[in-house]
């Protein structure tokens, strides 16, 4: 467990990191919400601040004065326990509070946490602060990918940052890793931070399998497109086939075919697709169809975790064939924090690994991300198994 002094430093570092992500933005960028899954940057900055105020300062800091009573309504996300909130699809309609007010709110709450934890706190409060820090780190990844979606759907396709590399190339030789049949331990098993959905370490029996040490690349996926992969109903789930046809999907998100060449929107603006780079921004439906087309499959989350020490990972969230379900003896926390993971364990797929947008000190090999199968605005890719 992180000691109080270093935990406070971790908190301050994390707060600054969120604001650094927004540094390249123009003031108009802070309020845009193109689709329901994407929240405006201003909302992320306010919501992560509200989390510390709502769960730490208001109930535990004696004499604490709430910054603005309306902010709980504005910046609550999905916590039914806490009370009413703005409908998710309406976050982009919030011209007020202003960006200036939100930054003032951040400064006010950050200073409140500094003063409160400067007095020395119980282990339970340290644990709560650590959860809040990692909650903000989750939103940093969402903040970055939401900004990419906002700018990537702007007709001008503006540059976000010349420094950020969306598509780093894997330089190691392609190979297959053979994994023996046997019993493997799955789940978190250290004193380091984890979420409750990683707990309940347990044993699973795995049949022998083989898994790729590399992610599927853009050039490999272009072969799938050119072979008519988006027109072949037989390699898609029925729901995936409906999704393809209803949404007229024929390539990964952000891809544009210009004069017969593939380009895609990146943090650096519109760039030619580098065939050597790992594929990104695909749905589970697309990952499954590609694997079917190759005569292969996606690994389960347990196969991924058992094999992860044999290959590099962390540039793409990797779709797995596992549904998001509780581990044995899973227990939801009491109160609002019990709404963090457990209530989403339905109709979603597990992703493993992390991405180029995942903040430092946040991912680990037991981390279980989860999304609905049609979503692809995150840096989602795939690794094949057989």
Protein backbone atom coordinates (compact mmCIF):
# COMPACT_ATOMS: atom_id res chain seq x y z
CA UNK A 1 0.00 0.00 0.00
CA UNK A 2 1.25 3.49 -0.84
CA UNK A 3 2.15 5.55 2.24
CA UNK A 4 0.25 8.77 2.84
CA UNK A 5 2.98 11.21 1.67
CA UNK A 6 3.66 9.39 -1.59
CA UNK A 7 -0.07 8.83 -2.08
CA UNK A 8 -0.65 12.57 -1.85
CA UNK A 9 2.11 13.14 -4.40
CA UNK A 10 0.47 10.54 -6.63
CA UNK A 11 -2.81 12.40 -6.30
CA UNK A 12 -1.27 15.77 -7.24
CA UNK A 13 0.60 14.24 -10.17
CA UNK A 14 -2.61 12.66 -11.44
CA UNK A 15 -4.58 15.89 -11.14
CA UNK A 16 -1.95 17.71 -13.19
CA UNK A 17 -1.87 14.96 -15.83
CA UNK A 18 -5.58 15.40 -16.57
CA UNK A 19 -5.09 19.10 -17.22
CA UNK A 20 -2.03 18.41 -19.39
CA UNK A 21 -4.18 16.23 -21.67
CA UNK A 22 -6.45 19.23 -22.23
CA UNK A 23 -3.61 21.70 -22.79
CA UNK A 24 -3.76 21.50 -26.64
CA UNK A 25 -7.51 22.20 -26.71
CA UNK A 26 -9.24 25.38 -27.79
CA UNK A 27 -11.98 26.59 -25.46
CA UNK A 28 -14.65 25.48 -27.94
CA UNK A 29 -13.41 21.88 -27.83
CA UNK A 30 -14.31 21.48 -24.14
CA UNK A 31 -18.09 21.23 -24.62
CA UNK A 32 -18.53 19.08 -27.75
CA UNK A 33 -20.35 15.73 -27.49
CA UNK A 34 -20.79 14.08 -30.93
CA UNK A 35 -22.33 10.82 -29.61
CA UNK A 36 -23.65 9.50 -26.31
CA UNK A 37 -20.55 7.39 -25.56
CA UNK A 38 -18.27 10.43 -25.79
CA UNK A 39 -18.34 12.98 -22.98
CA UNK A 40 -17.10 16.58 -23.33
CA UNK A 41 -13.62 17.22 -21.90
CA UNK A 42 -15.08 19.78 -19.49
CA UNK A 43 -17.37 17.11 -18.05
CA UNK A 44 -14.47 14.69 -17.43
CA UNK A 45 -12.54 17.40 -15.59
CA UNK A 46 -15.57 18.15 -13.42
CA UNK A 47 -16.63 14.54 -12.83
CA UNK A 48 -13.22 13.39 -11.60
CA UNK A 49 -13.20 16.37 -9.23
CA UNK A 50 -16.72 15.60 -8.00
CA UNK A 51 -15.61 12.06 -7.13
CA UNK A 52 -13.11 13.36 -4.55
CA UNK A 53 -15.53 15.94 -3.20
CA UNK A 54 -18.50 13.57 -2.98
CA UNK A 55 -16.81 10.49 -1.53
CA UNK A 56 -14.02 11.99 0.59
CA UNK A 57 -14.38 15.66 1.46
CA UNK A 58 -18.14 15.99 2.02
CA UNK A 59 -18.54 12.94 4.30
CA UNK A 60 -15.14 13.00 6.05
CA UNK A 61 -13.57 16.49 6.13
CA UNK A 62 -15.00 18.35 9.10
CA UNK A 63 -16.20 21.84 8.19
CA UNK A 64 -15.77 21.31 4.46
CA UNK A 65 -17.89 23.70 2.38
CA UNK A 66 -19.19 22.32 -0.90
CA UNK A 67 -17.95 24.30 -3.93
CA UNK A 68 -21.36 24.44 -5.61
CA UNK A 69 -24.44 22.38 -4.60
CA UNK A 70 -25.49 22.06 -8.27
CA UNK A 71 -22.26 20.32 -9.28
CA UNK A 72 -23.31 16.98 -7.82
CA UNK A 73 -26.26 16.97 -10.24
CA UNK A 74 -24.09 18.09 -13.16
CA UNK A 75 -21.09 15.81 -12.63
CA UNK A 76 -22.56 12.61 -11.21
CA UNK A 77 -22.17 9.89 -13.85
CA UNK A 78 -24.15 6.76 -12.99
CA UNK A 79 -24.25 6.59 -9.18
CA UNK A 80 -27.87 5.98 -8.28
CA UNK A 81 -26.92 5.97 -4.60
CA UNK A 82 -25.78 9.59 -4.79
CA UNK A 83 -28.88 11.02 -6.45
CA UNK A 84 -30.17 12.64 -9.63
CA UNK A 85 -27.88 13.57 -12.50
CA UNK A 86 -27.85 15.09 -15.96
CA UNK A 87 -28.83 12.56 -18.64
CA UNK A 88 -25.66 11.23 -20.25
CA UNK A 89 -26.64 12.32 -23.76
CA UNK A 90 -27.15 15.91 -22.52
CA UNK A 91 -23.63 16.49 -21.19
CA UNK A 92 -22.77 18.39 -24.36
CA UNK A 93 -25.60 20.84 -23.71
CA UNK A 94 -23.93 22.16 -20.57
CA UNK A 95 -22.59 25.52 -21.68
CA UNK A 96 -22.52 26.32 -17.97
CA UNK A 97 -20.68 25.86 -15.68
CA UNK A 98 -17.97 27.46 -17.77
CA UNK A 99 -14.56 25.93 -18.40
CA UNK A 100 -13.12 28.62 -16.13
CA UNK A 101 -15.49 27.57 -13.33
CA UNK A 102 -14.59 23.91 -13.77
CA UNK A 103 -10.89 24.65 -13.45
CA UNK A 104 -11.64 26.73 -10.35
CA UNK A 105 -13.59 23.74 -8.99
CA UNK A 106 -10.61 21.47 -9.63
CA UNK A 107 -8.27 23.82 -7.81
CA UNK A 108 -10.68 24.17 -4.87
CA UNK A 109 -11.12 20.40 -4.38
CA UNK A 110 -7.45 19.62 -4.96
CA UNK A 111 -6.54 22.11 -2.23
CA UNK A 112 -9.20 20.56 0.02
CA UNK A 113 -7.67 17.10 -0.42
CA UNK A 114 -4.17 18.46 0.25
CA UNK A 115 -5.26 20.05 3.51
CA UNK A 116 -7.33 17.06 4.61
CA UNK A 117 -4.68 14.44 3.96
CA UNK A 118 -1.93 16.68 5.28
CA UNK A 119 -3.39 15.98 8.72
CA UNK A 120 -2.74 12.23 8.39
CA UNK A 121 -5.56 9.79 7.68
CA UNK A 122 -6.73 6.26 8.35
CA UNK A 123 -5.89 3.39 6.05
CA UNK A 124 -9.54 3.27 4.95
CA UNK A 125 -9.37 6.89 3.77
CA UNK A 126 -6.03 6.27 2.07
CA UNK A 127 -7.67 3.38 0.21
CA UNK A 128 -10.54 5.64 -0.81
CA UNK A 129 -8.13 8.29 -2.09
CA UNK A 130 -6.26 5.64 -4.08
CA UNK A 131 -9.50 4.51 -5.72
CA UNK A 132 -10.23 8.13 -6.61
CA UNK A 133 -6.80 8.51 -8.19
CA UNK A 134 -7.25 5.45 -10.36
CA UNK A 135 -10.78 6.56 -11.21
CA UNK A 136 -9.27 9.78 -12.54
CA UNK A 137 -6.68 7.78 -14.47
CA UNK A 138 -9.48 5.81 -16.11
CA UNK A 139 -11.03 9.10 -17.14
CA UNK A 140 -7.71 10.33 -18.49
CA UNK A 141 -7.82 7.54 -21.05
CA UNK A 142 -11.46 8.33 -21.80
CA UNK A 143 -10.58 12.02 -21.95
CA UNK A 144 -7.92 11.40 -24.58
CA UNK A 145 -10.03 9.04 -26.69
CA UNK A 146 -13.07 11.30 -26.40
CA UNK A 147 -10.96 14.24 -27.60
CA UNK A 148 -9.77 12.11 -30.51
CA UNK A 149 -13.38 11.30 -31.40
CA UNK A 150 -14.41 14.96 -31.14
CA UNK A 151 -11.58 16.16 -33.38
CA UNK A 152 -11.72 13.10 -35.63
CA UNK A 153 -15.34 13.91 -36.45
CA UNK A 154 -14.59 17.55 -37.11
CA UNK A 155 -14.62 18.04 -40.92
CA UNK A 156 -11.25 19.82 -40.70
CA UNK A 157 -9.62 16.80 -38.95
CA UNK A 158 -7.46 19.11 -36.81
CA UNK A 159 -4.18 18.12 -35.18
CA UNK A 160 -4.36 17.40 -31.45
CA UNK A 161 -0.65 16.83 -30.79
CA UNK A 162 2.44 16.30 -32.95
CA UNK A 163 4.10 14.52 -30.02
CA UNK A 164 1.61 11.75 -29.30
CA UNK A 165 2.20 8.48 -31.17
CA UNK A 166 -1.06 6.61 -31.72
CA UNK A 167 0.41 3.76 -33.72
CA UNK A 168 3.77 2.47 -32.43
CA UNK A 169 5.11 -0.51 -34.39
CA UNK A 170 5.89 -3.86 -32.75
CA UNK A 171 9.46 -4.64 -33.78
CA UNK A 172 9.80 -8.24 -32.59
CA UNK A 173 9.55 -11.28 -34.87
CA UNK A 174 6.13 -12.80 -35.32
CA UNK A 175 5.78 -16.17 -33.60
CA UNK A 176 3.25 -18.52 -32.02
CA UNK A 177 3.42 -19.42 -28.34
CA UNK A 178 2.36 -22.93 -27.36
CA UNK A 179 0.67 -23.16 -23.98
CA UNK A 180 0.34 -26.48 -22.20
CA UNK A 181 -2.88 -27.95 -20.95
CA UNK A 182 -3.18 -27.43 -17.23
CA UNK A 183 -4.48 -25.51 -14.26
CA UNK A 184 -3.62 -21.80 -14.09
CA UNK A 185 -4.09 -19.19 -11.35
CA UNK A 186 -6.14 -16.19 -12.48
CA UNK A 187 -6.74 -12.87 -10.74
CA UNK A 188 -4.94 -10.25 -8.70
CA UNK A 189 -2.48 -11.52 -6.10
CA UNK A 190 -0.44 -8.68 -4.61
CA UNK A 191 -0.73 -5.71 -2.27
CA UNK A 192 -0.70 -3.29 -5.20
CA UNK A 193 -3.88 -1.51 -6.23
CA UNK A 194 -6.55 -3.35 -8.21
CA UNK A 195 -10.28 -3.07 -8.83
CA UNK A 196 -12.74 -5.39 -7.15
CA UNK A 197 -13.48 -7.19 -10.44
CA UNK A 198 -9.90 -8.53 -10.43
CA UNK A 199 -10.28 -10.12 -6.99
CA UNK A 200 -11.31 -13.65 -6.23
CA UNK A 201 -8.08 -15.28 -7.41
CA UNK A 202 -9.00 -18.72 -8.61
CA UNK A 203 -7.87 -21.65 -10.69
CA UNK A 204 -8.99 -22.38 -14.22
CA UNK A 205 -8.34 -25.42 -16.36
CA UNK A 206 -7.15 -24.59 -19.87
CA UNK A 207 -6.82 -27.00 -22.74
CA UNK A 208 -3.59 -26.69 -24.73
CA UNK A 209 -3.67 -23.69 -27.06
CA UNK A 210 -1.46 -21.47 -29.16
CA UNK A 211 -1.44 -17.67 -29.06
CA UNK A 212 0.27 -15.08 -31.25
CA UNK A 213 3.06 -12.98 -29.76
CA UNK A 214 2.01 -10.06 -31.98
CA UNK A 215 -1.11 -8.03 -32.53
CA UNK A 216 -2.87 -8.09 -35.89
CA UNK A 217 -1.49 -5.29 -38.07
CA UNK A 218 -3.15 -2.77 -40.37
CA UNK A 219 -1.83 -4.48 -43.49
CA UNK A 220 -3.24 -7.82 -42.36
CA UNK A 221 -6.61 -6.21 -41.80
CA UNK A 222 -6.51 -4.49 -45.20
CA UNK A 223 -6.28 -7.97 -46.71
CA UNK A 224 -9.51 -8.81 -44.89
CA UNK A 225 -11.21 -5.68 -46.26
CA UNK A 226 -9.99 -6.32 -49.81
CA UNK A 227 -11.12 -9.96 -49.62
CA UNK A 228 -14.67 -8.74 -48.97
CA UNK A 229 -14.71 -9.43 -45.26
CA UNK A 230 -17.38 -6.81 -44.63
CA UNK A 231 -19.64 -8.41 -47.25
CA UNK A 232 -19.50 -12.02 -46.00
CA UNK A 233 -22.36 -12.74 -43.62
CA UNK A 234 -20.99 -16.21 -42.81
CA UNK A 235 -18.07 -14.94 -40.71
CA UNK A 236 -20.08 -12.52 -38.56
CA UNK A 237 -22.28 -13.02 -35.54
CA UNK A 238 -25.90 -12.28 -36.47
CA UNK A 239 -25.87 -9.20 -34.25
CA UNK A 240 -22.56 -8.11 -35.76
CA UNK A 241 -23.89 -8.55 -39.29
CA UNK A 242 -26.89 -6.38 -38.40
CA UNK A 243 -24.52 -3.77 -36.94
CA UNK A 244 -22.38 -3.73 -40.10
CA UNK A 245 -25.37 -3.26 -42.39
CA UNK A 246 -27.34 -0.82 -40.26
CA UNK A 247 -24.29 1.42 -39.77
CA UNK A 248 -22.75 0.84 -43.23
CA UNK A 249 -19.42 -0.15 -41.67
CA UNK A 250 -16.66 -1.07 -44.13
CA UNK A 251 -13.43 -0.24 -42.30
CA UNK A 252 -12.10 0.55 -38.81
CA UNK A 253 -13.11 3.79 -37.12
CA UNK A 254 -11.24 6.87 -38.42
CA UNK A 255 -10.24 5.18 -41.71
CA UNK A 256 -10.79 6.99 -45.02
CA UNK A 257 -10.24 5.56 -48.49
CA UNK A 258 -8.86 8.42 -50.59
CA UNK A 259 -8.08 7.69 -54.25
CA UNK A 260 -7.72 3.99 -53.48
CA UNK A 261 -5.34 4.49 -50.53
CA UNK A 262 -6.13 4.11 -46.84
CA UNK A 263 -5.70 7.08 -44.54
CA UNK A 264 -6.79 7.48 -40.92
CA UNK A 265 -7.28 10.23 -38.40
CA UNK A 266 -4.60 10.31 -35.68
CA UNK A 267 -3.48 12.73 -32.97
CA UNK A 268 -1.28 14.26 -35.68
CA UNK A 269 -4.23 14.73 -38.02
CA UNK A 270 -4.94 12.75 -41.18
CA UNK A 271 -2.11 10.33 -41.90
CA UNK A 272 -1.50 7.44 -44.29
CA UNK A 273 -2.21 4.09 -42.66
CA UNK A 274 1.07 2.39 -41.76
CA UNK A 275 0.58 -1.27 -42.60
CA UNK A 276 3.18 -2.36 -40.04
CA UNK A 277 1.41 -0.77 -37.07
CA UNK A 278 -1.04 -2.70 -34.89
CA UNK A 279 -4.68 -2.35 -35.89
CA UNK A 280 -6.83 -0.11 -33.69
CA UNK A 281 -10.38 1.16 -33.26
CA UNK A 282 -12.27 -2.00 -34.15
CA UNK A 283 -15.31 -3.50 -32.46
CA UNK A 284 -15.52 -6.98 -30.98
CA UNK A 285 -17.76 -7.84 -33.94
CA UNK A 286 -14.92 -6.95 -36.34
CA UNK A 287 -12.31 -8.75 -34.27
CA UNK A 288 -14.42 -11.92 -34.25
CA UNK A 289 -15.13 -11.75 -38.00
CA UNK A 290 -11.44 -11.27 -38.81
CA UNK A 291 -10.48 -14.27 -36.68
CA UNK A 292 -13.16 -16.35 -38.38
CA UNK A 293 -11.89 -15.27 -41.79
CA UNK A 294 -8.39 -16.42 -40.79
CA UNK A 295 -9.70 -19.75 -39.55
CA UNK A 296 -8.56 -18.82 -36.06
CA UNK A 297 -10.17 -17.32 -32.95
CA UNK A 298 -9.77 -14.77 -30.15
CA UNK A 299 -8.20 -15.92 -26.88
CA UNK A 300 -10.28 -16.02 -23.73
CA UNK A 301 -9.28 -13.59 -21.00
CA UNK A 302 -7.90 -16.54 -19.01
CA UNK A 303 -5.75 -17.71 -21.93
CA UNK A 304 -4.51 -14.14 -22.36
CA UNK A 305 -3.59 -13.79 -18.68
CA UNK A 306 -1.85 -17.18 -18.54
CA UNK A 307 0.28 -16.35 -21.60
CA UNK A 308 0.88 -12.58 -21.22
CA UNK A 309 4.38 -12.95 -19.74
CA UNK A 310 5.56 -14.39 -23.06
CA UNK A 311 4.70 -11.38 -25.25
CA UNK A 312 4.77 -7.57 -24.99
CA UNK A 313 1.44 -5.86 -24.46
CA UNK A 314 0.04 -2.44 -23.63
CA UNK A 315 -0.44 -0.55 -26.91
CA UNK A 316 -3.94 -1.88 -27.67
CA UNK A 317 -6.87 -3.01 -25.58
CA UNK A 318 -7.27 -6.55 -26.86
CA UNK A 319 -10.71 -8.02 -27.38
CA UNK A 320 -11.12 -11.45 -25.83
CA UNK A 321 -13.74 -14.12 -26.28
CA UNK A 322 -14.80 -13.77 -22.64
CA UNK A 323 -18.01 -12.21 -21.42
CA UNK A 324 -17.61 -9.79 -18.53
CA UNK A 325 -18.67 -11.86 -15.51
CA UNK A 326 -17.78 -11.94 -11.80
CA UNK A 327 -14.95 -14.08 -10.50
CA UNK A 328 -15.78 -16.68 -7.82
CA UNK A 329 -16.93 -15.15 -4.52
CA UNK A 330 -17.08 -11.67 -6.02
CA UNK A 331 -18.45 -9.15 -3.54
CA UNK A 332 -19.66 -5.66 -4.42
CA UNK A 333 -18.64 -2.93 -2.01
CA UNK A 334 -21.28 -1.31 0.14
CA UNK A 335 -22.81 2.01 -0.89
CA UNK A 336 -22.06 3.98 -4.04
CA UNK A 337 -18.67 2.38 -4.69
CA UNK A 338 -20.50 -0.91 -5.14
CA UNK A 339 -21.82 0.59 -8.39
CA UNK A 340 -18.30 0.90 -9.82
CA UNK A 341 -18.02 -2.47 -11.59
CA UNK A 342 -20.57 -5.07 -10.56
CA UNK A 343 -23.68 -3.60 -12.13
CA UNK A 344 -22.06 -3.64 -15.58
CA UNK A 345 -21.50 -7.41 -15.66
CA UNK A 346 -23.96 -8.05 -18.47
CA UNK A 347 -23.82 -7.91 -22.30
CA UNK A 348 -20.18 -6.80 -22.40
CA UNK A 349 -16.88 -8.32 -23.52
CA UNK A 350 -13.60 -8.29 -21.58
CA UNK A 351 -10.54 -6.55 -23.02
CA UNK A 352 -7.02 -7.00 -21.71
CA UNK A 353 -3.69 -5.23 -21.98
CA UNK A 354 -4.03 -1.43 -21.90
CA UNK A 355 -3.34 1.02 -24.72
CA UNK A 356 -1.17 3.93 -25.82
CA UNK A 357 -3.73 6.15 -24.06
CA UNK A 358 -3.65 4.26 -20.74
CA UNK A 359 -1.90 6.44 -18.11
CA UNK A 360 1.31 5.46 -16.38
CA UNK A 361 0.98 3.45 -13.14
CA UNK A 362 -2.49 2.28 -14.04
CA UNK A 363 -2.48 -0.98 -15.98
CA UNK A 364 -1.44 -4.51 -14.97
CA UNK A 365 -1.82 -8.01 -16.36
CA UNK A 366 -4.94 -8.74 -14.28
CA UNK A 367 -6.76 -5.53 -15.35
CA UNK A 368 -10.21 -6.35 -16.79
CA UNK A 369 -11.54 -3.65 -19.08
CA UNK A 370 -15.00 -4.14 -20.55
CA UNK A 371 -17.10 -2.66 -23.34
CA UNK A 372 -20.18 -3.43 -25.37
CA UNK A 373 -19.24 -5.37 -28.52
CA UNK A 374 -20.08 -2.60 -31.01
CA UNK A 375 -17.87 0.08 -29.42
CA UNK A 376 -14.55 1.02 -31.00
CA UNK A 377 -13.58 4.57 -30.04
CA UNK A 378 -10.96 3.18 -27.66
CA UNK A 379 -7.63 1.85 -28.96
CA UNK A 380 -9.05 -1.65 -29.41
CA UNK A 381 -7.25 -4.33 -31.40
CA UNK A 382 -6.83 -8.08 -31.42
CA UNK A 383 -4.43 -10.95 -30.92
CA UNK A 384 -5.17 -14.32 -32.51
CA UNK A 385 -5.23 -17.76 -30.93
CA UNK A 386 -5.85 -21.32 -32.04
